Amino acid sequence: MKSRRQAGALGVTAGERGFRCATFSALALLTCFFLVLMVSLFTYGDRHSLLAMLVSREILLALILSLSTASISAFLSMLIAVPAAYALSQWRFRGKDVVDTVLDLPIVISPMALGAALLIFFATQAGGSIEKMFVRFVFHVPGIILAQFTIVVALAVRLLKSTFDGINPRYEQVARTLGCSKTETFFRVTLPLARNGLIAAAVLTWARAIGEFGATITLAGAVKMKTETLPIAIFLNLSSGNIEGAIAVIFILVVIASLALVTLRRLTRSLKSA
């Protein structure tokens, strides 16, 4: 009897070891895959040409344009996404499933398709009137912001909805019993409890806006030194055969994404420990 139990225990242990080995192998394989991609980028070509491209006027202007437009679009997205996500999380209303599905469409639809939809809208009478009376979007810098906003606002809503879903409603109920209005409860109780999710959504939304390409090039075009964001700079350099220029831009994007992710992890850890 004892020998059977011991054999069963050994079998379970061997099975656990095999499962652990399989999972870590998958993790190591995936990590190595992306590391090989990064290493191949930075070992290709001449380093002097790469450094020259990093400080070129074209790349610097693309960097400034990407940072400024992504910051504006991320701010506008958070401004809209916070109340929208709260309403979607807390309230029940007719057609909620339809609204939920519509807000998920920008996440699953090709960004280029959304950019084409924006371009077609501005070709209509209503869109043309907006451009004539207010701001020109097609092949102009405001079009970059609009394209980025269209792509990232749905992501912000989805992230924030998950955050609001995870907050215990009893905290709001206690605040209401203490005399706080719904607005006061939202700003004094709900938002402080959701700060980790807010920070994560803001950082990820901004980083996603930096890398937006499909909708941007469709609506704002790929006009060199005018609507040339970092992703569009990669496209233009590859199209002209300037591999070093494309690698330089990719390097900048990797650095920005890495800094954003490291900052996000450190902020969330510090807030959890506070």
Protein backbone atom coordinates (compact mmCIF):
# COMPACT_ATOMS: atom_id res chain seq x y z
CA MET A 1 0.00 0.00 0.00
CA LYS A 2 2.82 2.35 0.93
CA SER A 3 4.67 1.59 -2.26
CA ARG A 4 1.60 2.52 -4.32
CA ARG A 5 1.24 5.86 -2.51
CA GLN A 6 4.92 6.59 -2.94
CA ALA A 7 4.71 5.74 -6.62
CA GLY A 8 1.68 8.04 -6.96
CA ALA A 9 3.50 10.87 -5.17
CA LEU A 10 6.54 10.40 -7.40
CA GLY A 11 4.27 10.40 -10.46
CA VAL A 12 2.61 13.65 -9.41
CA THR A 13 5.99 15.23 -8.74
CA ALA A 14 7.30 14.14 -12.13
CA GLY A 15 4.16 15.47 -13.79
CA GLU A 16 4.50 18.81 -12.03
CA ARG A 17 8.14 19.05 -13.06
CA GLY A 18 7.23 18.29 -16.65
CA PHE A 19 4.47 20.91 -16.64
CA ARG A 20 6.77 23.51 -15.08
CA CYS A 21 9.46 22.73 -17.64
CA ALA A 22 6.95 23.12 -20.49
CA THR A 23 5.68 26.49 -19.26
CA PHE A 24 9.16 27.89 -18.66
CA SER A 25 10.28 26.61 -22.06
CA ALA A 26 7.44 28.51 -23.73
CA LEU A 27 8.36 31.63 -21.73
CA ALA A 28 12.06 31.33 -22.62
CA LEU A 29 11.28 30.71 -26.30
CA LEU A 30 9.06 33.76 -26.56
CA THR A 31 11.57 35.97 -24.72
CA CYS A 32 14.43 34.80 -26.92
CA PHE A 33 12.34 35.42 -30.02
CA PHE A 34 11.88 39.12 -29.22
CA LEU A 35 15.46 39.49 -27.97
CA VAL A 36 16.78 38.10 -31.27
CA LEU A 37 14.65 40.65 -33.14
CA MET A 38 16.05 43.52 -31.07
CA VAL A 39 19.64 42.32 -31.38
CA SER A 40 19.32 41.90 -35.14
CA LEU A 41 18.14 45.49 -35.44
CA PHE A 42 21.00 47.01 -33.52
CA THR A 43 23.72 44.89 -35.12
CA TYR A 44 22.63 45.67 -38.67
CA GLY A 45 24.48 48.32 -40.66
CA ASP A 46 26.97 50.97 -39.66
CA ARG A 47 26.83 52.39 -36.13
CA HIS A 48 28.07 55.80 -37.25
CA SER A 49 25.26 56.09 -39.79
CA LEU A 50 22.78 55.01 -37.12
CA LEU A 51 24.01 57.67 -34.67
CA ALA A 52 23.90 60.31 -37.41
CA MET A 53 20.29 59.43 -38.15
CA LEU A 54 19.34 59.57 -34.47
CA VAL A 55 20.30 63.26 -34.30
CA SER A 56 19.06 64.20 -37.77
CA ARG A 57 16.54 67.03 -38.11
CA GLU A 58 13.94 64.73 -39.67
CA ILE A 59 14.01 62.23 -36.79
CA LEU A 60 13.99 64.97 -34.15
CA LEU A 61 10.96 66.64 -35.73
CA ALA A 62 9.18 63.27 -35.98
CA LEU A 63 9.97 62.63 -32.30
CA ILE A 64 8.63 66.03 -31.21
CA LEU A 65 5.50 65.62 -33.33
CA SER A 66 4.84 62.12 -31.97
CA LEU A 67 5.33 63.13 -28.34
CA SER A 68 3.15 66.24 -28.61
CA THR A 69 0.29 64.67 -30.57
CA ALA A 70 0.28 61.50 -28.44
CA SER A 71 0.17 63.57 -25.24
CA ILE A 72 -2.80 65.60 -26.50
CA SER A 73 -4.70 62.56 -27.78
CA ALA A 74 -4.02 60.59 -24.58
CA PHE A 75 -5.23 63.52 -22.45
CA LEU A 76 -8.42 63.88 -24.49
CA SER A 77 -8.96 60.12 -24.39
CA MET A 78 -8.67 59.99 -20.59
CA LEU A 79 -10.93 63.04 -20.29
CA ILE A 80 -13.67 61.21 -22.18
CA ALA A 81 -12.90 57.65 -21.10
CA VAL A 82 -13.11 58.20 -17.32
CA PRO A 83 -16.79 59.24 -17.20
CA ALA A 84 -17.71 56.93 -20.11
CA ALA A 85 -16.11 53.89 -18.46
CA TYR A 86 -17.74 54.72 -15.12
CA ALA A 87 -21.17 54.96 -16.73
CA LEU A 88 -20.60 51.69 -18.57
CA SER A 89 -19.46 50.00 -15.37
CA GLN A 90 -21.99 51.32 -12.85
CA TRP A 91 -25.26 51.99 -14.67
CA ARG A 92 -27.75 49.67 -16.28
CA PHE A 93 -29.61 50.97 -19.32
CA ARG A 94 -31.27 49.78 -22.50
CA GLY A 95 -28.87 49.00 -25.28
CA LYS A 96 -25.88 48.61 -22.96
CA ASP A 97 -24.67 45.53 -24.83
CA VAL A 98 -24.87 47.45 -28.10
CA VAL A 99 -22.88 50.36 -26.66
CA ASP A 100 -20.34 47.94 -25.21
CA THR A 101 -19.92 46.28 -28.60
CA VAL A 102 -19.59 49.59 -30.46
CA LEU A 103 -16.86 50.76 -28.07
CA ASP A 104 -14.98 47.50 -28.63
CA LEU A 105 -14.96 47.90 -32.42
CA PRO A 106 -11.90 50.24 -32.56
CA ILE A 107 -9.92 47.59 -30.66
CA VAL A 108 -10.63 44.76 -33.10
CA ILE A 109 -11.07 46.65 -36.39
CA SER A 110 -7.97 47.48 -38.44
CA PRO A 111 -6.69 51.01 -37.65
CA MET A 112 -6.41 51.63 -41.38
CA ALA A 113 -10.13 50.88 -41.76
CA LEU A 114 -10.92 53.42 -39.03
CA GLY A 115 -8.68 55.95 -40.73
CA ALA A 116 -10.49 55.35 -44.00
CA ALA A 117 -13.83 55.84 -42.21
CA LEU A 118 -12.58 59.19 -40.86
CA LEU A 119 -11.37 60.19 -44.33
CA ILE A 120 -14.72 59.30 -45.87
CA PHE A 121 -16.54 61.28 -43.16
CA PHE A 122 -14.60 64.43 -44.01
CA ALA A 123 -15.49 63.89 -47.66
CA THR A 124 -19.19 64.26 -46.77
CA GLN A 125 -20.98 67.58 -46.50
CA ALA A 126 -20.96 67.53 -42.69
CA GLY A 127 -17.27 66.69 -42.49
CA GLY A 128 -16.38 69.24 -45.15
CA SER A 129 -18.26 71.94 -43.23
CA ILE A 130 -16.31 71.10 -40.06
CA GLU A 131 -13.02 71.51 -41.93
CA LYS A 132 -14.09 74.78 -43.54
CA MET A 133 -15.51 76.38 -40.38
CA PHE A 134 -13.28 74.98 -37.62
CA VAL A 135 -10.15 72.86 -38.10
CA ARG A 136 -8.59 71.11 -41.09
CA PHE A 137 -7.89 67.47 -40.34
CA VAL A 138 -7.16 65.78 -43.66
CA PHE A 139 -3.39 65.84 -44.33
CA HIS A 140 -2.81 68.18 -41.37
CA VAL A 141 -1.46 67.76 -37.83
CA PRO A 142 -4.93 67.86 -36.16
CA GLY A 143 -5.71 64.77 -38.24
CA ILE A 144 -2.90 62.94 -36.42
CA ILE A 145 -4.47 63.77 -33.06
CA LEU A 146 -7.93 62.73 -34.25
CA ALA A 147 -6.62 59.45 -35.66
CA GLN A 148 -4.72 58.65 -32.47
CA PHE A 149 -7.73 59.57 -30.34
CA THR A 150 -10.02 57.32 -32.38
CA ILE A 151 -7.71 54.36 -31.84
CA VAL A 152 -6.75 54.81 -28.17
CA VAL A 153 -9.97 56.07 -26.57
CA ALA A 154 -11.61 52.64 -26.82
CA LEU A 155 -8.55 51.08 -25.15
CA ALA A 156 -8.76 53.63 -22.34
CA VAL A 157 -12.47 52.92 -21.82
CA ARG A 158 -11.87 49.18 -21.66
CA LEU A 159 -9.00 49.49 -19.16
CA LEU A 160 -10.89 51.92 -16.94
CA LYS A 161 -14.09 49.88 -17.02
CA SER A 162 -12.15 46.92 -15.64
CA THR A 163 -10.79 49.19 -12.91
CA PHE A 164 -14.21 50.52 -11.92
CA ASP A 165 -15.67 46.99 -12.03
CA GLY A 166 -13.10 45.93 -9.43
CA ILE A 167 -14.03 48.60 -6.87
CA ASN A 168 -16.27 47.40 -4.06
CA PRO A 169 -19.57 49.37 -4.29
CA ARG A 170 -19.83 49.40 -0.49
CA TYR A 171 -17.28 52.22 -0.31
CA GLU A 172 -19.54 54.46 -2.38
CA GLN A 173 -22.58 53.39 -0.37
CA VAL A 174 -20.86 54.33 2.90
CA ALA A 175 -19.90 57.72 1.48
CA ARG A 176 -23.49 58.35 0.39
CA THR A 177 -24.81 57.46 3.87
CA LEU A 178 -22.36 60.00 5.31
CA GLY A 179 -23.97 62.75 3.25
CA CYS A 180 -21.79 62.89 0.15
CA SER A 181 -23.48 63.54 -3.16
CA LYS A 182 -22.89 61.24 -6.12
CA THR A 183 -20.41 63.74 -7.60
CA GLU A 184 -18.53 64.13 -4.32
CA THR A 185 -18.41 60.36 -3.88
CA PHE A 186 -16.98 59.95 -7.36
CA PHE A 187 -14.18 62.47 -6.86
CA ARG A 188 -13.41 61.81 -3.19
CA VAL A 189 -13.84 58.01 -3.01
CA THR A 190 -14.01 56.32 -6.41
CA LEU A 191 -11.19 58.10 -8.22
CA PRO A 192 -8.67 57.68 -5.35
CA LEU A 193 -9.50 53.98 -5.21
CA ALA A 194 -9.02 53.73 -8.98
CA ARG A 195 -5.69 55.60 -9.08
CA ASN A 196 -3.61 52.55 -10.07
CA GLY A 197 -5.96 51.80 -12.94
CA LEU A 198 -6.02 55.46 -13.97
CA ILE A 199 -2.24 55.64 -14.10
CA ALA A 200 -1.98 52.37 -16.00
CA ALA A 201 -4.62 53.45 -18.51
CA ALA A 202 -2.97 56.84 -19.03
CA VAL A 203 0.50 55.38 -19.62
CA LEU A 204 -0.69 52.58 -21.91
CA THR A 205 -2.95 54.94 -23.85
CA TRP A 206 -0.10 57.39 -24.37
CA ALA A 207 2.31 54.63 -25.42
CA ARG A 208 -0.26 53.20 -27.85
CA ALA A 209 -0.81 56.64 -29.36
CA ILE A 210 2.94 56.99 -29.93
CA GLY A 211 2.93 53.82 -32.02
CA GLU A 212 -0.24 54.50 -34.01
CA PHE A 213 0.29 54.21 -37.77
CA GLY A 214 -2.64 52.87 -39.80
CA ALA A 215 -5.31 55.47 -39.06
CA THR A 216 -2.75 58.28 -39.00
CA ILE A 217 -1.29 57.65 -42.44
CA THR A 218 -4.78 57.21 -43.92
CA LEU A 219 -6.19 60.46 -42.55
CA ALA A 220 -3.17 62.74 -42.13
CA GLY A 221 -1.01 61.24 -44.87
CA ALA A 222 2.73 60.66 -44.93
CA VAL A 223 3.96 64.17 -45.67
CA LYS A 224 7.65 64.40 -44.82
CA MET A 225 8.54 66.96 -42.14
CA LYS A 226 4.84 67.87 -41.76
CA THR A 227 2.73 64.89 -40.66
CA GLU A 228 5.70 62.57 -40.16
CA THR A 229 5.33 60.84 -36.83
CA LEU A 230 7.79 58.16 -35.71
CA PRO A 231 5.86 55.20 -37.22
CA ILE A 232 5.39 57.11 -40.46
CA ALA A 233 9.11 57.92 -40.45
CA ILE A 234 9.81 54.17 -40.40
CA PHE A 235 7.52 53.72 -43.41
CA LEU A 236 9.10 56.59 -45.36
CA ASN A 237 12.67 55.48 -44.64
CA LEU A 238 11.95 51.88 -45.60
CA SER A 239 10.19 53.05 -48.77
CA SER A 240 13.26 55.05 -49.79
CA GLY A 241 15.68 52.24 -48.89
CA ASN A 242 17.15 54.08 -45.90
CA ILE A 243 17.47 51.08 -43.56
CA GLU A 244 19.64 52.94 -41.03
CA GLY A 245 17.01 55.66 -40.73
CA ALA A 246 14.26 53.11 -40.11
CA ILE A 247 16.38 51.33 -37.49
CA ALA A 248 17.07 54.64 -35.74
CA VAL A 249 13.35 55.35 -35.44
CA ILE A 250 12.63 51.81 -34.26
CA PHE A 251 15.32 52.26 -31.59
CA ILE A 252 13.61 55.44 -30.38
CA LEU A 253 10.23 53.70 -30.24
CA VAL A 254 11.70 50.77 -28.28
CA VAL A 255 13.30 53.17 -25.78
CA ILE A 256 10.04 55.12 -25.34
CA ALA A 257 8.00 51.93 -24.87
CA SER A 258 10.52 50.50 -22.40
CA LEU A 259 10.59 53.70 -20.35
CA ALA A 260 6.79 53.82 -20.30
CA LEU A 261 6.51 50.22 -19.10
CA VAL A 262 9.24 50.61 -16.45
CA THR A 263 7.63 53.82 -15.21
CA LEU A 264 4.23 52.12 -15.06
CA ARG A 265 5.57 49.19 -13.02
CA ARG A 266 7.43 51.42 -10.57
CA LEU A 267 4.46 53.72 -10.06
CA THR A 268 2.05 50.87 -9.45
CA ARG A 269 4.46 49.20 -7.00
CA SER A 270 5.03 52.44 -5.08
CA LEU A 271 1.31 53.12 -4.90
CA LYS A 272 0.59 49.59 -3.68
CA SER A 273 3.21 49.87 -0.94
CA ALA A 274 2.01 53.35 0.13
